[in-house]
Protein backbone atom coordinates (compact mmCIF):
# COMPACT_ATOMS: atom_id res chain seq x y z
CA MET A 1 150.92 110.87 128.54
CA PRO A 2 150.51 112.22 132.11
CA ALA A 3 153.69 113.70 133.95
CA ASN A 4 155.99 111.09 135.12
CA GLY A 5 153.83 108.38 133.31
CA ALA A 6 154.87 105.40 131.60
CA SER A 7 154.37 105.29 127.77
CA ASN A 8 153.15 101.73 127.98
CA SER A 9 151.04 102.51 131.08
CA GLU A 10 147.85 100.62 131.94
CA HIS A 11 146.43 104.03 132.52
CA LEU A 12 146.53 104.98 128.86
CA TYR A 13 143.62 102.85 127.99
CA LYS A 14 143.91 100.63 124.91
CA PRO A 15 141.69 97.46 123.97
CA GLY A 16 142.17 95.17 126.49
CA CYS A 17 144.10 97.25 128.98
CA GLY A 18 142.96 99.96 131.48
CA ALA A 19 143.77 101.02 135.07
CA VAL A 20 142.79 103.24 138.08
CA ASP A 21 144.95 104.33 141.06
CA PHE A 22 142.45 104.61 143.89
CA TYR A 23 141.72 104.88 147.76
CA ILE A 24 138.74 104.97 149.79
CA ASP A 25 138.26 107.87 152.07
CA GLY A 26 138.24 106.82 155.99
CA ALA A 27 139.41 103.03 155.03
CA ASP A 28 142.58 101.62 155.85
CA ILE A 29 144.53 101.55 152.75
CA TYR A 30 146.53 98.38 153.72
CA LYS A 31 143.00 96.33 154.03
CA VAL A 32 141.81 97.68 150.59
CA GLU A 33 145.14 96.61 148.96
CA ASP A 34 144.97 92.96 150.80
CA TRP A 35 141.36 92.72 149.74
CA CYS A 36 142.30 93.58 146.25
CA ASP A 37 145.27 91.30 146.02
CA LYS A 38 142.96 88.48 147.37
CA ASN A 39 140.05 89.12 145.09
CA TRP A 40 141.23 90.88 141.99
CA PRO A 41 142.11 88.56 139.28
CA TYR A 42 144.21 91.05 137.02
CA SER A 43 147.23 93.43 137.96
CA ILE A 44 148.09 95.23 141.41
CA GLY A 45 150.42 97.68 142.03
CA TYR A 46 150.97 97.85 145.91
CA GLY A 47 150.89 101.59 146.47
CA ALA A 48 149.32 101.52 149.90
CA GLY A 49 152.52 103.02 151.56
CA LYS A 50 151.99 105.92 149.21
CA GLY A 51 148.29 106.27 149.72
CA PHE A 52 146.63 104.43 146.96
CA VAL A 53 146.10 100.96 145.39
CA HIS A 54 146.49 100.30 141.62
CA VAL A 55 144.22 97.98 139.79
CA GLY A 56 144.49 97.22 136.15
CA ILE A 57 143.12 95.09 133.47
CA ARG A 58 145.58 93.37 131.10
CA SER A 59 143.86 90.77 129.25
CA SER A 60 146.99 89.13 128.28
CA ARG A 61 148.84 89.29 131.79
CA ALA A 62 146.37 88.24 134.83
CA ARG A 63 147.79 88.51 138.28
CA VAL A 64 150.85 90.80 137.64
CA ARG A 65 152.05 92.21 141.04
CA TRP A 66 154.52 94.77 141.66
CA ASP A 67 155.68 97.31 144.47
CA TYR A 68 155.36 101.21 144.01
């Protein structure tokens, strides 16, 4: 498990679950986050204020949203 990571993190790939934190160099991270919120059918962690967006896949829990 990565430092400061949660034991049930989507980043620790398990069948039906996975995630990535990302940014697009040169793009407005808030616009990227907004696009993801409107178009990504799975989980999103609103991390734009910290410079990234979290997108994940939880087959059992679509459209989960939270703030970092």
